């Protein structure tokens, strides 16, 4: 079972979530001022997600592990949830690498 993108409104802005096949959100986008910009963000995830160099592995102040996915220009295009360990975070990255290139977008705007 493959994942999908959920495109939705957030107030006056737009954002998307990438879900794995089990419907768990594995990456959340930044906020965009237009729907077309959010759609471009999805295209950027589709292109960038297979490339390990695009992942920035980070640690929050509370010690939780997380990652950002960046575009070719270095801009953050998505952020993961918080993980309890680096190994769990790395599994999240692998899931984004697998599910990121998918083309299924569910428009809930």
N, C-alpha and C. Protein backbone atom coordinates (compact mmCIF):
# COMPACT_ATOMS: atom_id res chain seq x y z
N UNK A 1 0.85 -1.18 0.00
CA UNK A 1 0.00 0.00 0.00
C UNK A 1 0.89 1.24 0.00
N UNK A 2 0.65 2.15 -0.91
CA UNK A 2 1.48 3.35 -0.99
C UNK A 2 0.80 4.52 -0.29
N UNK A 3 1.59 5.54 -0.03
CA UNK A 3 1.09 6.71 0.66
C UNK A 3 0.42 7.71 -0.26
N UNK A 4 0.19 8.90 0.28
CA UNK A 4 -0.43 9.97 -0.50
C UNK A 4 -0.11 11.31 0.14
N UNK A 5 -0.40 12.35 -0.61
CA UNK A 5 -0.29 13.72 -0.13
C UNK A 5 -1.70 14.21 0.16
N UNK A 6 -1.85 14.92 1.27
CA UNK A 6 -3.11 15.57 1.61
C UNK A 6 -2.86 17.07 1.52
N UNK A 7 -3.48 17.72 0.54
CA UNK A 7 -3.38 19.16 0.34
C UNK A 7 -4.58 19.80 1.02
N UNK A 8 -4.33 20.78 1.91
CA UNK A 8 -5.45 21.38 2.64
C UNK A 8 -5.19 22.84 2.95
N UNK A 9 -6.25 23.52 3.34
CA UNK A 9 -6.16 24.92 3.76
C UNK A 9 -5.86 24.95 5.25
N UNK A 10 -5.15 25.99 5.63
CA UNK A 10 -4.89 26.27 7.03
C UNK A 10 -5.15 27.76 7.21
N UNK A 11 -6.39 28.11 7.54
CA UNK A 11 -6.78 29.51 7.57
C UNK A 11 -6.76 30.05 6.15
N UNK A 12 -6.00 31.11 5.93
CA UNK A 12 -5.88 31.69 4.59
C UNK A 12 -4.71 31.09 3.81
N UNK A 13 -4.02 30.16 4.42
CA UNK A 13 -2.85 29.56 3.79
C UNK A 13 -3.10 28.10 3.41
N UNK A 14 -2.12 27.51 2.75
CA UNK A 14 -2.21 26.14 2.28
C UNK A 14 -1.01 25.35 2.81
N UNK A 15 -1.20 24.07 2.99
CA UNK A 15 -0.12 23.19 3.42
C UNK A 15 -0.45 21.77 2.97
N UNK A 16 0.52 20.88 3.12
CA UNK A 16 0.26 19.49 2.79
C UNK A 16 0.96 18.59 3.79
N UNK A 17 0.44 17.38 3.90
CA UNK A 17 1.06 16.31 4.67
C UNK A 17 1.32 15.16 3.72
N UNK A 18 2.46 14.50 3.92
CA UNK A 18 2.77 13.27 3.22
C UNK A 18 2.47 12.14 4.19
N UNK A 19 1.64 11.20 3.74
CA UNK A 19 1.28 10.06 4.59
C UNK A 19 1.88 8.78 4.01
N UNK A 20 2.29 7.89 4.90
CA UNK A 20 2.73 6.56 4.50
C UNK A 20 1.51 5.71 4.19
N UNK A 21 1.74 4.52 3.70
CA UNK A 21 0.64 3.62 3.35
C UNK A 21 -0.27 3.29 4.51
N UNK A 22 0.23 3.41 5.75
CA UNK A 22 -0.59 3.13 6.93
C UNK A 22 -1.34 4.38 7.40
N UNK A 23 -1.33 5.44 6.58
CA UNK A 23 -2.02 6.71 6.83
C UNK A 23 -1.35 7.57 7.89
N UNK A 24 -0.19 7.19 8.38
CA UNK A 24 0.54 8.00 9.36
C UNK A 24 1.24 9.14 8.63
N UNK A 25 1.10 10.36 9.17
CA UNK A 25 1.78 11.52 8.59
C UNK A 25 3.27 11.39 8.87
N UNK A 26 4.07 11.43 7.78
CA UNK A 26 5.51 11.29 7.93
C UNK A 26 6.27 12.56 7.59
N UNK A 27 5.58 13.54 7.00
CA UNK A 27 6.20 14.82 6.68
C UNK A 27 5.11 15.87 6.56
N UNK A 28 5.34 17.03 7.18
CA UNK A 28 4.40 18.15 7.09
C UNK A 28 5.11 19.33 6.46
N UNK A 29 4.40 20.01 5.57
CA UNK A 29 4.99 21.14 4.86
C UNK A 29 4.97 22.40 5.70
N UNK A 30 5.65 23.39 5.17
CA UNK A 30 5.56 24.74 5.67
C UNK A 30 4.20 25.30 5.21
N UNK A 31 3.85 26.48 5.64
CA UNK A 31 2.62 27.14 5.18
C UNK A 31 2.94 27.92 3.89
N UNK A 32 2.01 27.89 2.96
CA UNK A 32 2.15 28.59 1.68
C UNK A 32 1.02 29.60 1.53
N UNK A 33 1.28 30.70 0.82
CA UNK A 33 0.27 31.73 0.65
C UNK A 33 -0.70 31.42 -0.49
N UNK A 34 -0.35 30.45 -1.35
CA UNK A 34 -1.25 30.10 -2.45
C UNK A 34 -1.27 28.59 -2.64
N UNK A 35 -2.34 28.13 -3.24
CA UNK A 35 -2.48 26.71 -3.53
C UNK A 35 -1.41 26.26 -4.52
N UNK A 36 -1.12 27.07 -5.52
CA UNK A 36 -0.11 26.69 -6.51
C UNK A 36 1.27 26.57 -5.88
N UNK A 37 1.58 27.42 -4.90
CA UNK A 37 2.86 27.32 -4.20
C UNK A 37 2.93 26.02 -3.41
N UNK A 38 1.83 25.61 -2.77
CA UNK A 38 1.79 24.34 -2.05
C UNK A 38 1.96 23.17 -3.02
N UNK A 39 1.33 23.26 -4.19
CA UNK A 39 1.49 22.21 -5.20
C UNK A 39 2.93 22.14 -5.68
N UNK A 40 3.59 23.29 -5.80
CA UNK A 40 5.01 23.30 -6.15
C UNK A 40 5.84 22.66 -5.04
N UNK A 41 5.42 22.85 -3.79
CA UNK A 41 6.09 22.22 -2.66
C UNK A 41 6.00 20.70 -2.74
N UNK A 42 4.83 20.20 -3.11
CA UNK A 42 4.66 18.75 -3.29
C UNK A 42 5.61 18.26 -4.38
N UNK A 43 5.66 18.98 -5.49
CA UNK A 43 6.57 18.59 -6.58
C UNK A 43 8.02 18.58 -6.11
N UNK A 44 8.37 19.52 -5.24
CA UNK A 44 9.73 19.57 -4.72
C UNK A 44 10.03 18.37 -3.82
N UNK A 45 9.05 17.96 -3.00
CA UNK A 45 9.23 16.75 -2.18
C UNK A 45 9.39 15.53 -3.08
N UNK A 46 8.54 15.45 -4.11
CA UNK A 46 8.63 14.31 -5.02
C UNK A 46 10.02 14.21 -5.63
N UNK A 47 10.61 15.33 -5.97
CA UNK A 47 11.94 15.36 -6.60
C UNK A 47 13.06 15.14 -5.58
N UNK A 48 12.97 15.77 -4.42
CA UNK A 48 14.07 15.78 -3.45
C UNK A 48 14.09 14.59 -2.51
N UNK A 49 12.95 13.96 -2.26
CA UNK A 49 12.88 12.94 -1.21
C UNK A 49 13.80 11.73 -1.40
N UNK A 50 14.10 11.27 -2.62
CA UNK A 50 14.99 10.12 -2.73
C UNK A 50 16.46 10.42 -2.39
N UNK A 51 16.85 11.69 -2.31
CA UNK A 51 18.25 12.10 -2.15
C UNK A 51 18.60 12.27 -0.67
N UNK A 52 19.42 11.39 -0.13
CA UNK A 52 19.77 11.43 1.29
C UNK A 52 20.40 12.77 1.70
N UNK A 53 21.10 13.41 0.77
CA UNK A 53 21.76 14.68 1.09
C UNK A 53 20.76 15.80 1.40
N UNK A 54 19.49 15.62 1.05
CA UNK A 54 18.46 16.65 1.28
C UNK A 54 17.88 16.59 2.69
N UNK A 55 18.28 15.59 3.48
CA UNK A 55 17.74 15.44 4.84
C UNK A 55 18.70 16.03 5.85
N UNK A 56 18.17 16.89 6.70
CA UNK A 56 18.94 17.46 7.80
C UNK A 56 18.45 16.79 9.08
N UNK A 57 19.31 15.98 9.67
CA UNK A 57 18.99 15.25 10.89
C UNK A 57 19.26 16.16 12.08
N UNK A 58 18.22 16.40 12.90
CA UNK A 58 18.29 17.40 13.95
C UNK A 58 17.83 16.86 15.29
N UNK A 59 18.16 17.62 16.35
CA UNK A 59 17.73 17.26 17.69
C UNK A 59 17.07 18.49 18.32
N UNK A 60 15.88 18.29 18.87
CA UNK A 60 15.15 19.38 19.54
C UNK A 60 15.75 19.63 20.92
N UNK A 61 15.38 20.76 21.51
CA UNK A 61 15.90 21.13 22.83
C UNK A 61 15.59 20.07 23.89
N UNK A 62 14.46 19.37 23.73
CA UNK A 62 14.09 18.34 24.71
C UNK A 62 14.75 16.99 24.43
N UNK A 63 15.62 16.95 23.42
CA UNK A 63 16.33 15.71 23.09
C UNK A 63 15.66 14.87 22.03
N UNK A 64 14.45 15.23 21.61
CA UNK A 64 13.75 14.48 20.56
C UNK A 64 14.49 14.64 19.23
N UNK A 65 14.45 13.61 18.44
CA UNK A 65 15.07 13.61 17.13
C UNK A 65 14.01 13.95 16.08
N UNK A 66 14.42 14.68 15.03
CA UNK A 66 13.52 14.97 13.92
C UNK A 66 14.37 15.29 12.70
N UNK A 67 13.71 15.53 11.57
CA UNK A 67 14.46 15.90 10.38
C UNK A 67 13.67 16.91 9.56
N UNK A 68 14.42 17.66 8.77
CA UNK A 68 13.86 18.54 7.75
C UNK A 68 14.29 18.01 6.40
N UNK A 69 13.39 18.10 5.43
CA UNK A 69 13.70 17.80 4.04
C UNK A 69 13.88 19.14 3.35
N UNK A 70 15.00 19.31 2.64
CA UNK A 70 15.27 20.57 1.99
C UNK A 70 15.28 20.41 0.47
N UNK A 71 14.96 21.50 -0.20
CA UNK A 71 14.99 21.54 -1.67
C UNK A 71 16.42 21.81 -2.13
N UNK A 72 16.63 21.80 -3.42
CA UNK A 72 17.95 22.05 -3.99
C UNK A 72 18.53 23.40 -3.60
N UNK A 73 17.66 24.38 -3.31
CA UNK A 73 18.11 25.71 -2.93
C UNK A 73 18.33 25.85 -1.42
N UNK A 74 18.18 24.73 -0.68
CA UNK A 74 18.39 24.75 0.76
C UNK A 74 17.17 25.10 1.59
N UNK A 75 16.07 25.51 0.94
CA UNK A 75 14.84 25.85 1.66
C UNK A 75 14.20 24.59 2.26
N UNK A 76 13.66 24.73 3.46
CA UNK A 76 12.95 23.61 4.10
C UNK A 76 11.62 23.44 3.40
N UNK A 77 11.33 22.21 2.95
CA UNK A 77 10.04 21.94 2.31
C UNK A 77 9.17 21.02 3.14
N UNK A 78 9.74 20.42 4.18
CA UNK A 78 8.94 19.58 5.05
C UNK A 78 9.69 19.24 6.32
N UNK A 79 8.91 19.00 7.38
CA UNK A 79 9.46 18.67 8.69
C UNK A 79 8.76 17.41 9.20
N UNK A 80 9.52 16.57 9.85
CA UNK A 80 8.97 15.33 10.40
C UNK A 80 8.32 15.57 11.76
N UNK A 81 7.73 14.51 12.27
CA UNK A 81 7.28 14.51 13.64
C UNK A 81 8.51 14.37 14.55
N UNK A 82 8.31 14.43 15.85
CA UNK A 82 9.40 14.20 16.80
C UNK A 82 9.50 12.71 17.09
N UNK A 83 10.72 12.22 17.15
CA UNK A 83 11.00 10.81 17.41
C UNK A 83 11.76 10.67 18.71
N UNK A 84 11.62 9.52 19.36
CA UNK A 84 12.29 9.27 20.64
C UNK A 84 13.75 8.86 20.46
N UNK A 85 14.11 8.41 19.26
CA UNK A 85 15.49 7.96 19.05
C UNK A 85 15.94 8.29 17.63
N UNK A 86 17.26 8.30 17.46
CA UNK A 86 17.82 8.54 16.12
C UNK A 86 17.46 7.40 15.17
N UNK A 87 17.39 6.19 15.67
CA UNK A 87 17.04 5.06 14.79
C UNK A 87 15.59 5.18 14.31
N UNK A 88 14.69 5.63 15.18
CA UNK A 88 13.29 5.83 14.76
C UNK A 88 13.21 6.95 13.74
N UNK A 89 13.98 8.04 13.96
CA UNK A 89 14.02 9.14 12.99
C UNK A 89 14.53 8.65 11.64
N UNK A 90 15.56 7.82 11.65
CA UNK A 90 16.12 7.31 10.40
C UNK A 90 15.12 6.42 9.66
N UNK A 91 14.29 5.70 10.39
CA UNK A 91 13.22 4.91 9.76
C UNK A 91 12.20 5.85 9.12
N UNK A 92 11.93 6.97 9.77
CA UNK A 92 11.04 7.98 9.19
C UNK A 92 11.59 8.53 7.89
N UNK A 93 12.89 8.78 7.85
CA UNK A 93 13.53 9.26 6.62
C UNK A 93 13.38 8.22 5.52
N UNK A 94 13.62 6.97 5.84
CA UNK A 94 13.48 5.90 4.84
C UNK A 94 12.05 5.84 4.30
N UNK A 95 11.08 6.06 5.17
CA UNK A 95 9.67 6.06 4.73
C UNK A 95 9.40 7.22 3.77
N UNK A 96 9.97 8.39 4.05
CA UNK A 96 9.79 9.54 3.16
C UNK A 96 10.47 9.27 1.82
N UNK A 97 11.64 8.63 1.86
CA UNK A 97 12.33 8.28 0.61
C UNK A 97 11.47 7.38 -0.27
N UNK A 98 10.75 6.45 0.36
CA UNK A 98 9.90 5.51 -0.37
C UNK A 98 8.61 6.18 -0.84
N UNK A 99 7.96 6.91 0.07
CA UNK A 99 6.64 7.49 -0.23
C UNK A 99 6.68 8.85 -0.90
N UNK A 100 7.76 9.58 -0.76
CA UNK A 100 7.86 10.93 -1.31
C UNK A 100 7.63 11.03 -2.80
N UNK A 101 8.18 10.11 -3.60
CA UNK A 101 8.02 10.24 -5.06
C UNK A 101 6.61 9.93 -5.58
N UNK A 102 5.71 9.44 -4.73
CA UNK A 102 4.37 9.09 -5.21
C UNK A 102 3.65 10.31 -5.79
N UNK A 103 2.66 10.06 -6.58
CA UNK A 103 1.95 11.16 -7.27
C UNK A 103 0.51 11.34 -6.80
N UNK A 104 0.04 10.51 -5.88
CA UNK A 104 -1.34 10.62 -5.42
C UNK A 104 -1.50 11.83 -4.49
N UNK A 105 -2.33 12.79 -4.92
CA UNK A 105 -2.60 13.98 -4.13
C UNK A 105 -4.10 14.06 -3.88
N UNK A 106 -4.49 14.11 -2.62
CA UNK A 106 -5.90 14.26 -2.26
C UNK A 106 -6.12 15.72 -1.89
N UNK A 107 -6.83 16.43 -2.73
CA UNK A 107 -7.07 17.86 -2.55
C UNK A 107 -8.26 18.06 -1.62
N UNK A 108 -8.00 18.55 -0.43
CA UNK A 108 -9.06 18.81 0.56
C UNK A 108 -9.28 20.31 0.77
N UNK A 109 -8.87 21.10 -0.24
CA UNK A 109 -9.05 22.53 -0.11
C UNK A 109 -10.48 22.85 -0.46
